[in-house]
Every structure is written in structure tokens, then in C-alpha cells.
Amino acid sequence: MAIIKTRNISRPNNISGLFGNLNISLNNFNITSAPDLLSRANITDFPVDLNVILRLLGLTLVYQKLENDISGVLDVRNNTITIEARHPEQRQRFTIAHEIAHFCLHQSKEDLFEDKIFFRGADINSLEYQANEFAGELLMPEDVFYEQIRQGNKSIERLATHFGVSTLAIRVRARNLGLTGHGL
């Protein structure tokens, strides 16, 4: 069992998030960050119900077999997210959150986003990096992540179950938050 070790987890409860300075108007909402999106969707339970967010943003979700190692596609013109149907549920959830991030952060830059499996962890493309960070913050909010650890939930596997993500997603999020432990 993998365990997350903490150095100092006395973080403030009102984290504004990585994207706190964004000012994007979507469906009559002024979305400024992943925590703001969670707040506007009235989401306080975990794992995050992504269907609530999709409805709020007016996005349609489609599951189908995709070719060429594509894990997800955001079609901004048609307000549609298409997800690889053969991927595990936890991976699909992160891909959906990743495409939601593109919709919130980047829809003015592109009409179509095709996200390949191999680029998920790459720091090469800043748009992909931002979408990954936003997705992590959406599915595993910093304050909730730290609260779980404060309550003694330090097992990577248990955290993955709590947030409905893969253990890899937990490891990446923990590392990005400055936590240490098994595999980080």
C-alpha cells in the first residue's frame, strides 16, 4: 500500500487556485478557477459529479471508440466532449475534466482539441499543461486533498477511491502540492 507523507499540511482553507486570475464568461457565468466552477455547480461531495458540471456548461458527453491513441476530443462549436469508451472509468473521468478545462480556459484559442494519451504527462504544450492542472484541481481540490490527509486518509489507493481517479492522478496531484511519499 502506498502512503503519502506530509511535510507541513497547515494550508489555508480558502485556496484561490492556479487559475484565480482568469476571467472567462461561460453560459452567463464568470468562471475564474476550478474551485469557482465547483462552487457554481454546488459540488461539495466527492468524487465530483462531472455530469453536473457538463450540464452547467451546456456540454454533451459522448463515449465512443477513438483512433490514433486519442483519449478525448472537445468540439467547441458543437459543445461536445467525446471520450475513448475503452478506457477505465478513472481515466475517463480525468479526460472529461481535462476537456472541461480546455472549454473553460482555451475555447477562444481553438475550435477542436484532440488529446492523445502520450501527451497527457508532457510539459511541452502549455495548453495541455494548464488543462492537466485544472483537471487535477477540479477532481482533487487542494483544500479537500489536504483535509483528507489531515483526517488520516494517506493511502494513495484510498485517496484514489475517494476522488474517483487513478492512483497515478493522486501521485501527480500530491507531487504538485509538494507532498512526498511512496512513488512521489
N, C-alpha and C. Protein backbone atom coordinates (compact mmCIF):
# COMPACT_ATOMS: atom_id res chain seq x y z
N MET A 1 0.84 -1.17 0.00
CA MET A 1 0.00 0.00 0.00
C MET A 1 0.89 1.24 0.00
N ALA A 2 0.62 2.17 -0.88
CA ALA A 2 1.39 3.41 -0.98
C ALA A 2 0.81 4.44 -0.01
N ILE A 3 1.69 5.16 0.62
CA ILE A 3 1.29 6.16 1.61
C ILE A 3 1.86 7.51 1.22
N ILE A 4 1.09 8.56 1.41
CA ILE A 4 1.57 9.92 1.19
C ILE A 4 2.09 10.47 2.51
N LYS A 5 3.28 11.04 2.47
CA LYS A 5 3.88 11.65 3.66
C LYS A 5 3.77 13.15 3.52
N THR A 6 3.52 13.80 4.62
CA THR A 6 3.37 15.25 4.58
C THR A 6 4.54 15.92 5.29
N ARG A 7 4.90 17.08 4.77
CA ARG A 7 5.90 17.91 5.45
C ARG A 7 5.16 18.90 6.35
N ASN A 8 4.29 19.67 5.78
CA ASN A 8 3.51 20.65 6.52
C ASN A 8 2.19 20.80 5.80
N ILE A 9 1.10 20.38 6.42
CA ILE A 9 -0.20 20.43 5.74
C ILE A 9 -1.11 21.51 6.31
N SER A 10 -0.55 22.46 6.99
CA SER A 10 -1.39 23.52 7.52
C SER A 10 -1.59 24.60 6.46
N ARG A 11 -2.34 24.23 5.42
CA ARG A 11 -2.65 25.15 4.33
C ARG A 11 -3.93 25.90 4.65
N PRO A 12 -4.10 27.10 4.10
CA PRO A 12 -5.35 27.82 4.30
C PRO A 12 -6.51 27.09 3.63
N ASN A 13 -7.71 27.27 4.18
CA ASN A 13 -8.90 26.61 3.64
C ASN A 13 -9.46 27.29 2.42
N ASN A 14 -9.07 28.52 2.15
CA ASN A 14 -9.64 29.25 1.02
C ASN A 14 -8.60 29.46 -0.08
N ILE A 15 -8.16 28.36 -0.68
CA ILE A 15 -7.19 28.41 -1.77
C ILE A 15 -7.88 28.96 -3.01
N SER A 16 -7.30 29.95 -3.64
CA SER A 16 -7.93 30.52 -4.84
C SER A 16 -7.65 29.70 -6.08
N GLY A 17 -6.62 28.90 -6.08
CA GLY A 17 -6.36 28.02 -7.22
C GLY A 17 -5.36 28.60 -8.20
N LEU A 18 -4.86 27.74 -9.03
CA LEU A 18 -3.85 28.08 -10.02
C LEU A 18 -4.35 29.09 -11.04
N PHE A 19 -5.63 29.07 -11.32
CA PHE A 19 -6.18 29.90 -12.38
C PHE A 19 -7.07 31.02 -11.83
N GLY A 20 -6.73 31.51 -10.63
CA GLY A 20 -7.56 32.50 -9.96
C GLY A 20 -7.70 33.83 -10.68
N ASN A 21 -6.81 34.16 -11.61
CA ASN A 21 -6.88 35.44 -12.29
C ASN A 21 -7.63 35.38 -13.62
N LEU A 22 -8.12 34.22 -14.00
CA LEU A 22 -8.83 34.10 -15.27
C LEU A 22 -10.20 34.74 -15.16
N ASN A 23 -10.66 35.29 -16.25
CA ASN A 23 -11.96 35.91 -16.28
C ASN A 23 -12.65 35.49 -17.57
N ILE A 24 -13.36 34.37 -17.51
CA ILE A 24 -13.98 33.80 -18.70
C ILE A 24 -15.48 33.72 -18.47
N SER A 25 -16.23 34.16 -19.43
CA SER A 25 -17.68 34.12 -19.31
C SER A 25 -18.23 32.94 -20.08
N LEU A 26 -18.85 32.00 -19.38
CA LEU A 26 -19.44 30.82 -19.99
C LEU A 26 -20.87 30.68 -19.52
N ASN A 27 -21.80 30.54 -20.46
CA ASN A 27 -23.20 30.31 -20.10
C ASN A 27 -23.66 31.26 -18.99
N ASN A 28 -23.39 32.53 -19.15
CA ASN A 28 -23.77 33.57 -18.20
C ASN A 28 -23.07 33.45 -16.85
N PHE A 29 -22.01 32.64 -16.76
CA PHE A 29 -21.22 32.53 -15.54
C PHE A 29 -19.87 33.17 -15.79
N ASN A 30 -19.30 33.70 -14.75
CA ASN A 30 -17.95 34.23 -14.81
C ASN A 30 -17.05 33.22 -14.11
N ILE A 31 -16.58 32.22 -14.83
CA ILE A 31 -15.76 31.15 -14.27
C ILE A 31 -14.32 31.64 -14.15
N THR A 32 -13.77 31.60 -12.95
CA THR A 32 -12.42 32.10 -12.74
C THR A 32 -11.42 31.03 -12.35
N SER A 33 -11.87 29.85 -11.92
CA SER A 33 -10.97 28.80 -11.48
C SER A 33 -11.73 27.49 -11.34
N ALA A 34 -10.98 26.41 -11.18
CA ALA A 34 -11.63 25.12 -10.92
C ALA A 34 -12.45 25.16 -9.63
N PRO A 35 -11.92 25.73 -8.53
CA PRO A 35 -12.75 25.83 -7.33
C PRO A 35 -14.01 26.68 -7.55
N ASP A 36 -13.90 27.73 -8.37
CA ASP A 36 -15.08 28.54 -8.67
C ASP A 36 -16.10 27.73 -9.45
N LEU A 37 -15.64 26.91 -10.39
CA LEU A 37 -16.55 26.05 -11.15
C LEU A 37 -17.26 25.07 -10.22
N LEU A 38 -16.53 24.48 -9.29
CA LEU A 38 -17.15 23.58 -8.31
C LEU A 38 -18.20 24.32 -7.47
N SER A 39 -17.86 25.54 -7.08
CA SER A 39 -18.79 26.34 -6.29
C SER A 39 -20.05 26.67 -7.08
N ARG A 40 -19.89 27.09 -8.31
CA ARG A 40 -21.05 27.44 -9.15
C ARG A 40 -21.94 26.23 -9.42
N ALA A 41 -21.32 25.05 -9.45
CA ALA A 41 -22.08 23.82 -9.69
C ALA A 41 -22.62 23.25 -8.36
N ASN A 42 -22.34 23.92 -7.25
CA ASN A 42 -22.76 23.48 -5.92
C ASN A 42 -22.28 22.08 -5.59
N ILE A 43 -21.06 21.78 -5.97
CA ILE A 43 -20.48 20.46 -5.71
C ILE A 43 -19.64 20.50 -4.45
N THR A 44 -20.03 19.67 -3.49
CA THR A 44 -19.28 19.57 -2.23
C THR A 44 -18.97 18.12 -1.89
N ASP A 45 -19.54 17.17 -2.64
CA ASP A 45 -19.32 15.75 -2.40
C ASP A 45 -18.32 15.20 -3.40
N PHE A 46 -17.64 14.13 -2.98
CA PHE A 46 -16.63 13.51 -3.82
C PHE A 46 -16.89 12.03 -3.91
N PRO A 47 -16.58 11.43 -5.06
CA PRO A 47 -15.98 12.04 -6.23
C PRO A 47 -16.91 13.06 -6.89
N VAL A 48 -16.30 14.03 -7.57
CA VAL A 48 -17.04 15.09 -8.25
C VAL A 48 -17.99 14.49 -9.28
N ASP A 49 -19.23 14.95 -9.26
CA ASP A 49 -20.21 14.53 -10.27
C ASP A 49 -19.99 15.40 -11.51
N LEU A 50 -19.27 14.87 -12.47
CA LEU A 50 -18.93 15.63 -13.67
C LEU A 50 -20.15 15.92 -14.54
N ASN A 51 -21.20 15.12 -14.41
CA ASN A 51 -22.42 15.37 -15.19
C ASN A 51 -23.06 16.70 -14.80
N VAL A 52 -22.96 17.06 -13.53
CA VAL A 52 -23.50 18.35 -13.07
C VAL A 52 -22.75 19.49 -13.76
N ILE A 53 -21.44 19.37 -13.84
CA ILE A 53 -20.62 20.41 -14.48
C ILE A 53 -20.90 20.46 -15.98
N LEU A 54 -21.01 19.30 -16.60
CA LEU A 54 -21.30 19.27 -18.04
C LEU A 54 -22.62 19.97 -18.33
N ARG A 55 -23.65 19.70 -17.51
CA ARG A 55 -24.96 20.36 -17.71
C ARG A 55 -24.84 21.87 -17.50
N LEU A 56 -24.12 22.28 -16.46
CA LEU A 56 -23.94 23.70 -16.17
C LEU A 56 -23.31 24.42 -17.36
N LEU A 57 -22.31 23.78 -17.99
CA LEU A 57 -21.59 24.40 -19.10
C LEU A 57 -22.28 24.17 -20.44
N GLY A 58 -23.33 23.36 -20.46
CA GLY A 58 -24.04 23.09 -21.72
C GLY A 58 -23.28 22.16 -22.65
N LEU A 59 -22.49 21.26 -22.07
CA LEU A 59 -21.70 20.32 -22.86
C LEU A 59 -22.36 18.95 -22.92
N THR A 60 -22.26 18.31 -24.07
CA THR A 60 -22.76 16.96 -24.27
C THR A 60 -21.59 16.00 -24.22
N LEU A 61 -21.77 14.86 -23.56
CA LEU A 61 -20.72 13.86 -23.43
C LEU A 61 -21.07 12.64 -24.27
N VAL A 62 -20.09 12.19 -25.07
CA VAL A 62 -20.26 11.02 -25.94
C VAL A 62 -19.12 10.05 -25.66
N TYR A 63 -19.46 8.77 -25.52
CA TYR A 63 -18.45 7.72 -25.38
C TYR A 63 -18.40 6.95 -26.70
N GLN A 64 -17.20 6.83 -27.27
CA GLN A 64 -17.05 6.02 -28.48
C GLN A 64 -15.59 5.59 -28.62
N LYS A 65 -15.37 4.61 -29.48
CA LYS A 65 -14.02 4.17 -29.75
C LYS A 65 -13.33 5.22 -30.61
N LEU A 66 -12.19 5.68 -30.13
CA LEU A 66 -11.42 6.70 -30.85
C LEU A 66 -10.15 6.07 -31.40
N GLU A 67 -9.68 6.59 -32.48
CA GLU A 67 -8.48 6.05 -33.14
C GLU A 67 -7.25 6.87 -32.80
N ASN A 68 -6.09 6.34 -33.19
CA ASN A 68 -4.81 7.04 -33.10
C ASN A 68 -4.44 7.49 -31.69
N ASP A 69 -4.68 6.65 -30.71
CA ASP A 69 -4.31 6.94 -29.33
C ASP A 69 -4.93 8.21 -28.76
N ILE A 70 -6.08 8.58 -29.25
CA ILE A 70 -6.78 9.76 -28.74
C ILE A 70 -7.63 9.35 -27.54
N SER A 71 -7.48 10.08 -26.45
CA SER A 71 -8.25 9.77 -25.24
C SER A 71 -9.50 10.63 -25.13
N GLY A 72 -9.49 11.82 -25.73
CA GLY A 72 -10.65 12.69 -25.66
C GLY A 72 -10.60 13.79 -26.70
N VAL A 73 -11.78 14.27 -27.05
CA VAL A 73 -11.90 15.35 -28.03
C VAL A 73 -12.93 16.35 -27.52
N LEU A 74 -12.57 17.62 -27.57
CA LEU A 74 -13.52 18.70 -27.29
C LEU A 74 -13.81 19.40 -28.60
N ASP A 75 -15.07 19.40 -28.99
CA ASP A 75 -15.53 20.14 -30.17
C ASP A 75 -16.28 21.36 -29.65
N VAL A 76 -15.62 22.51 -29.65
CA VAL A 76 -16.17 23.74 -29.09
C VAL A 76 -17.41 24.18 -29.86
N ARG A 77 -17.37 24.07 -31.18
CA ARG A 77 -18.51 24.52 -32.00
C ARG A 77 -19.80 23.77 -31.68
N ASN A 78 -19.67 22.48 -31.39
CA ASN A 78 -20.84 21.65 -31.11
C ASN A 78 -21.05 21.38 -29.62
N ASN A 79 -20.23 22.02 -28.78
CA ASN A 79 -20.32 21.82 -27.33
C ASN A 79 -20.35 20.35 -26.95
N THR A 80 -19.42 19.58 -27.54
CA THR A 80 -19.40 18.14 -27.33
C THR A 80 -18.02 17.67 -26.88
N ILE A 81 -18.02 16.80 -25.89
CA ILE A 81 -16.81 16.10 -25.46
C ILE A 81 -17.00 14.64 -25.81
N THR A 82 -16.03 14.08 -26.54
CA THR A 82 -16.05 12.67 -26.89
C THR A 82 -14.90 11.99 -26.16
N ILE A 83 -15.21 10.88 -25.51
CA ILE A 83 -14.25 10.17 -24.67
C ILE A 83 -14.05 8.76 -25.20
N GLU A 84 -12.81 8.27 -25.12
CA GLU A 84 -12.50 6.90 -25.51
C GLU A 84 -13.27 5.93 -24.61
N ALA A 85 -14.16 5.16 -25.22
CA ALA A 85 -15.05 4.26 -24.49
C ALA A 85 -14.32 3.08 -23.86
N ARG A 86 -13.15 2.73 -24.37
CA ARG A 86 -12.44 1.54 -23.88
C ARG A 86 -11.53 1.83 -22.69
N HIS A 87 -11.37 3.08 -22.31
CA HIS A 87 -10.50 3.41 -21.18
C HIS A 87 -11.21 3.11 -19.85
N PRO A 88 -10.42 2.85 -18.80
CA PRO A 88 -11.02 2.65 -17.47
C PRO A 88 -11.76 3.91 -17.01
N GLU A 89 -12.75 3.72 -16.15
CA GLU A 89 -13.58 4.83 -15.70
C GLU A 89 -12.77 5.97 -15.07
N GLN A 90 -11.76 5.64 -14.27
CA GLN A 90 -10.97 6.69 -13.62
C GLN A 90 -10.24 7.54 -14.66
N ARG A 91 -9.73 6.90 -15.70
CA ARG A 91 -9.05 7.64 -16.78
C ARG A 91 -10.06 8.49 -17.54
N GLN A 92 -11.23 7.93 -17.80
CA GLN A 92 -12.27 8.70 -18.49
C GLN A 92 -12.63 9.94 -17.69
N ARG A 93 -12.74 9.81 -16.37
CA ARG A 93 -13.09 10.97 -15.53
C ARG A 93 -12.04 12.07 -15.66
N PHE A 94 -10.75 11.68 -15.64
CA PHE A 94 -9.72 12.70 -15.78
C PHE A 94 -9.77 13.32 -17.17
N THR A 95 -10.01 12.51 -18.19
CA THR A 95 -10.10 13.04 -19.56
C THR A 95 -11.27 14.01 -19.68
N ILE A 96 -12.40 13.68 -19.10
CA ILE A 96 -13.56 14.59 -19.12
C ILE A 96 -13.18 15.91 -18.44
N ALA A 97 -12.56 15.83 -17.27
CA ALA A 97 -12.15 17.05 -16.55
C ALA A 97 -11.13 17.84 -17.37
N HIS A 98 -10.25 17.14 -18.07
CA HIS A 98 -9.25 17.78 -18.93
C HIS A 98 -9.92 18.54 -20.07
N GLU A 99 -10.93 17.93 -20.68
CA GLU A 99 -11.66 18.60 -21.78
C GLU A 99 -12.50 19.76 -21.25
N ILE A 100 -13.06 19.62 -20.07
CA ILE A 100 -13.77 20.74 -19.43
C ILE A 100 -12.80 21.90 -19.23
N ALA A 101 -11.58 21.58 -18.83
CA ALA A 101 -10.56 22.62 -18.65
C ALA A 101 -10.28 23.35 -19.95
N HIS A 102 -10.13 22.59 -21.05
CA HIS A 102 -9.94 23.25 -22.35
C HIS A 102 -11.13 24.16 -22.66
N PHE A 103 -12.33 23.71 -22.37
CA PHE A 103 -13.52 24.51 -22.64
C PHE A 103 -13.48 25.81 -21.83
N CYS A 104 -13.13 25.71 -20.56
CA CYS A 104 -13.10 26.90 -19.70
C CYS A 104 -11.93 27.82 -20.00
N LEU A 105 -10.78 27.25 -20.31
CA LEU A 105 -9.56 28.05 -20.43
C LEU A 105 -9.18 28.44 -21.85
N HIS A 106 -9.52 27.58 -22.82
CA HIS A 106 -8.91 27.73 -24.14
C HIS A 106 -9.88 27.79 -25.31
N GLN A 107 -11.18 27.86 -25.05
CA GLN A 107 -12.11 27.79 -26.18
C GLN A 107 -11.96 28.94 -27.16
N SER A 108 -11.39 30.04 -26.73
CA SER A 108 -11.18 31.16 -27.65
C SER A 108 -9.95 30.95 -28.54
N LYS A 109 -9.14 29.95 -28.22
CA LYS A 109 -7.91 29.70 -28.98
C LYS A 109 -8.08 28.66 -30.08
N GLU A 110 -8.96 27.69 -29.86
CA GLU A 110 -9.14 26.58 -30.80
C GLU A 110 -10.62 26.19 -30.84
N ASP A 111 -11.03 25.58 -31.95
CA ASP A 111 -12.38 25.03 -32.06
C ASP A 111 -12.43 23.54 -31.75
N LEU A 112 -11.27 22.88 -31.87
CA LEU A 112 -11.21 21.45 -31.69
C LEU A 112 -9.94 21.07 -30.95
N PHE A 113 -10.09 20.31 -29.87
CA PHE A 113 -8.96 19.81 -29.11
C PHE A 113 -8.99 18.29 -29.16
N GLU A 114 -7.91 17.68 -29.66
CA GLU A 114 -7.76 16.23 -29.66
C GLU A 114 -6.60 15.90 -28.72
N ASP A 115 -6.91 15.19 -27.67
CA ASP A 115 -5.89 14.90 -26.67
C ASP A 115 -5.46 13.45 -26.76
N LYS A 116 -4.18 13.29 -27.08
CA LYS A 116 -3.61 11.95 -27.22
C LYS A 116 -3.09 11.48 -25.87
N ILE A 117 -3.13 10.18 -25.70
CA ILE A 117 -2.68 9.55 -24.47
C ILE A 117 -1.24 9.93 -24.16
N PHE A 118 -0.38 9.94 -25.16
CA PHE A 118 1.04 10.15 -24.94
C PHE A 118 1.37 11.57 -24.50
N PHE A 119 0.51 12.53 -24.74
CA PHE A 119 0.80 13.91 -24.36
C PHE A 119 0.24 14.27 -22.99
N ARG A 120 -0.46 13.35 -22.35
CA ARG A 120 -1.10 13.65 -21.08
C ARG A 120 -0.10 14.12 -20.04
N GLY A 121 1.06 13.51 -19.98
CA GLY A 121 2.02 13.88 -18.96
C GLY A 121 3.07 14.86 -19.45
N ALA A 122 3.00 15.26 -20.69
CA ALA A 122 4.05 16.11 -21.26
C ALA A 122 3.92 17.56 -20.81
N ASP A 123 5.05 18.18 -20.56
CA ASP A 123 5.07 19.59 -20.21
C ASP A 123 5.38 20.44 -21.44
N ILE A 124 5.39 19.84 -22.62
CA ILE A 124 5.77 20.51 -23.85
C ILE A 124 4.77 21.59 -24.23
N ASN A 125 3.50 21.28 -24.19
CA ASN A 125 2.45 22.17 -24.64
C ASN A 125 1.81 22.86 -23.43
N SER A 126 1.90 24.18 -23.37
CA SER A 126 1.37 24.89 -22.20
C SER A 126 -0.14 24.75 -22.06
N LEU A 127 -0.87 24.65 -23.18
CA LEU A 127 -2.32 24.46 -23.09
C LEU A 127 -2.65 23.11 -22.44
N GLU A 128 -1.90 22.09 -22.80
CA GLU A 128 -2.11 20.76 -22.21
C GLU A 128 -1.71 20.75 -20.74
N TYR A 129 -0.63 21.41 -20.42
CA TYR A 129 -0.20 21.52 -19.02
C TYR A 129 -1.29 22.22 -18.19
N GLN A 130 -1.80 23.34 -18.69
CA GLN A 130 -2.85 24.06 -17.97
C GLN A 130 -4.10 23.22 -17.81
N ALA A 131 -4.47 22.48 -18.86
CA ALA A 131 -5.67 21.63 -18.79
C ALA A 131 -5.47 20.52 -17.77
N ASN A 132 -4.28 19.94 -17.71
CA ASN A 132 -4.00 18.91 -16.71
C ASN A 132 -4.07 19.47 -15.30
N GLU A 133 -3.49 20.64 -15.09
CA GLU A 133 -3.52 21.26 -13.77
C GLU A 133 -4.95 21.58 -13.34
N PHE A 134 -5.73 22.16 -14.25
CA PHE A 134 -7.12 22.49 -13.97
C PHE A 134 -7.91 21.23 -13.65
N ALA A 135 -7.71 20.16 -14.45
CA ALA A 135 -8.42 18.90 -14.22
C ALA A 135 -8.09 18.33 -12.84
N GLY A 136 -6.81 18.37 -12.48
CA GLY A 136 -6.41 17.89 -11.16
C GLY A 136 -7.05 18.69 -10.05
N GLU A 137 -7.11 19.99 -10.23
CA GLU A 137 -7.71 20.88 -9.23
C GLU A 137 -9.23 20.68 -9.18
N LEU A 138 -9.84 20.39 -10.31
CA LEU A 138 -11.29 20.17 -10.36
C LEU A 138 -11.67 18.87 -9.66
N LEU A 139 -10.94 17.81 -9.94
CA LEU A 139 -11.27 16.49 -9.38
C LEU A 139 -10.74 16.30 -7.96
N MET A 140 -9.65 16.98 -7.63
CA MET A 140 -8.98 16.82 -6.34
C MET A 140 -8.61 18.19 -5.78
N PRO A 141 -9.60 18.98 -5.37
CA PRO A 141 -9.31 20.32 -4.88
C PRO A 141 -8.28 20.30 -3.75
N GLU A 142 -7.41 21.28 -3.77
CA GLU A 142 -6.32 21.34 -2.81
C GLU A 142 -6.80 21.28 -1.37
N ASP A 143 -7.79 22.08 -1.02
CA ASP A 143 -8.25 22.10 0.37
C ASP A 143 -8.86 20.76 0.77
N VAL A 144 -9.58 20.10 -0.11
CA VAL A 144 -10.18 18.79 0.19
C VAL A 144 -9.09 17.73 0.27
N PHE A 145 -8.10 17.81 -0.61
CA PHE A 145 -6.99 16.87 -0.61
C PHE A 145 -6.27 16.93 0.74
N TYR A 146 -5.93 18.14 1.18
CA TYR A 146 -5.25 18.31 2.46
C TYR A 146 -6.13 17.87 3.62
N GLU A 147 -7.41 18.14 3.55
CA GLU A 147 -8.33 17.73 4.62
C GLU A 147 -8.38 16.22 4.74
N GLN A 148 -8.39 15.51 3.62
CA GLN A 148 -8.37 14.05 3.65
C GLN A 148 -7.11 13.55 4.36
N ILE A 149 -5.99 14.16 4.08
CA ILE A 149 -4.73 13.76 4.71
C ILE A 149 -4.76 14.10 6.20
N ARG A 150 -5.27 15.27 6.56
CA ARG A 150 -5.38 15.66 7.98
C ARG A 150 -6.24 14.66 8.74
N GLN A 151 -7.24 14.10 8.06
CA GLN A 151 -8.13 13.13 8.70
C GLN A 151 -7.53 11.72 8.72
N GLY A 152 -6.29 11.57 8.24
CA GLY A 152 -5.61 10.30 8.30
C GLY A 152 -5.72 9.45 7.05
N ASN A 153 -6.36 9.95 6.02
CA ASN A 153 -6.52 9.22 4.76
C ASN A 153 -5.27 9.46 3.91
N LYS A 154 -4.19 8.70 4.19
CA LYS A 154 -2.91 8.91 3.50
C LYS A 154 -2.60 7.83 2.49
N SER A 155 -3.45 6.84 2.36
CA SER A 155 -3.23 5.78 1.39
C SER A 155 -3.57 6.29 -0.01
N ILE A 156 -2.64 6.13 -0.93
CA ILE A 156 -2.86 6.57 -2.31
C ILE A 156 -4.08 5.86 -2.89
N GLU A 157 -4.22 4.59 -2.58
CA GLU A 157 -5.36 3.81 -3.09
C GLU A 157 -6.68 4.33 -2.54
N ARG A 158 -6.71 4.64 -1.23
CA ARG A 158 -7.95 5.16 -0.62
C ARG A 158 -8.28 6.56 -1.14
N LEU A 159 -7.24 7.38 -1.33
CA LEU A 159 -7.47 8.71 -1.89
C LEU A 159 -8.01 8.61 -3.32
N ALA A 160 -7.45 7.68 -4.10
CA ALA A 160 -7.92 7.48 -5.48
C ALA A 160 -9.39 7.10 -5.49
N THR A 161 -9.79 6.24 -4.58
CA THR A 161 -11.21 5.84 -4.48
C THR A 161 -12.07 7.03 -4.06
N HIS A 162 -11.60 7.79 -3.08
CA HIS A 162 -12.36 8.95 -2.60
C HIS A 162 -12.62 9.97 -3.71
N PHE A 163 -11.60 10.22 -4.53
CA PHE A 163 -11.72 11.24 -5.58
C PHE A 163 -12.17 10.65 -6.93
N GLY A 164 -12.23 9.33 -7.05
CA GLY A 164 -12.66 8.71 -8.30
C GLY A 164 -11.67 8.87 -9.42
N VAL A 165 -10.38 8.81 -9.08
CA VAL A 165 -9.31 8.96 -10.06
C VAL A 165 -8.34 7.79 -9.93
N SER A 166 -7.37 7.74 -10.81
CA SER A 166 -6.36 6.69 -10.76
C SER A 166 -5.33 7.00 -9.68
N THR A 167 -4.58 5.97 -9.29
CA THR A 167 -3.50 6.20 -8.32
C THR A 167 -2.43 7.10 -8.92
N LEU A 168 -2.23 7.02 -10.24
CA LEU A 168 -1.27 7.92 -10.89
C LEU A 168 -1.72 9.37 -10.74
N ALA A 169 -3.00 9.64 -10.92
CA ALA A 169 -3.51 11.01 -10.76
C ALA A 169 -3.29 11.51 -9.33
N ILE A 170 -3.47 10.64 -8.35
CA ILE A 170 -3.22 11.02 -6.95
C ILE A 170 -1.74 11.33 -6.75
N ARG A 171 -0.87 10.50 -7.30
CA ARG A 171 0.57 10.73 -7.15
C ARG A 171 0.99 12.07 -7.77
N VAL A 172 0.48 12.35 -8.96
CA VAL A 172 0.82 13.60 -9.65
C VAL A 172 0.29 14.79 -8.85
N ARG A 173 -0.96 14.70 -8.39
CA ARG A 173 -1.55 15.80 -7.62
C ARG A 173 -0.77 16.02 -6.32
N ALA A 174 -0.44 14.94 -5.63
CA ALA A 174 0.32 15.05 -4.38
C ALA A 174 1.68 15.68 -4.63
N ARG A 175 2.35 15.25 -5.68
CA ARG A 175 3.66 15.83 -6.02
C ARG A 175 3.52 17.32 -6.33
N ASN A 176 2.48 17.68 -7.10
CA ASN A 176 2.26 19.09 -7.44
C ASN A 176 1.94 19.94 -6.21
N LEU A 177 1.40 19.31 -5.17
CA LEU A 177 1.09 20.03 -3.93
C LEU A 177 2.27 20.02 -2.95
N GLY A 178 3.39 19.42 -3.37
CA GLY A 178 4.59 19.41 -2.54
C GLY A 178 4.62 18.30 -1.51
N LEU A 179 3.77 17.29 -1.65
CA LEU A 179 3.76 16.18 -0.71
C LEU A 179 4.76 15.12 -1.15
N THR A 180 5.21 14.32 -0.21
CA THR A 180 6.16 13.27 -0.52
C THR A 180 5.59 11.94 -0.07
N GLY A 181 6.22 10.87 -0.49
CA GLY A 181 5.78 9.55 -0.09
C GLY A 181 6.10 8.54 -1.16
N HIS A 182 5.51 7.38 -1.05
CA HIS A 182 5.77 6.27 -1.96
C HIS A 182 5.49 6.67 -3.39
N GLY A 183 6.49 6.57 -4.23
CA GLY A 183 6.32 6.81 -5.66
C GLY A 183 6.22 8.27 -6.05
N LEU A 184 6.47 9.20 -5.15
CA LEU A 184 6.30 10.61 -5.50
C LEU A 184 7.61 11.26 -5.81
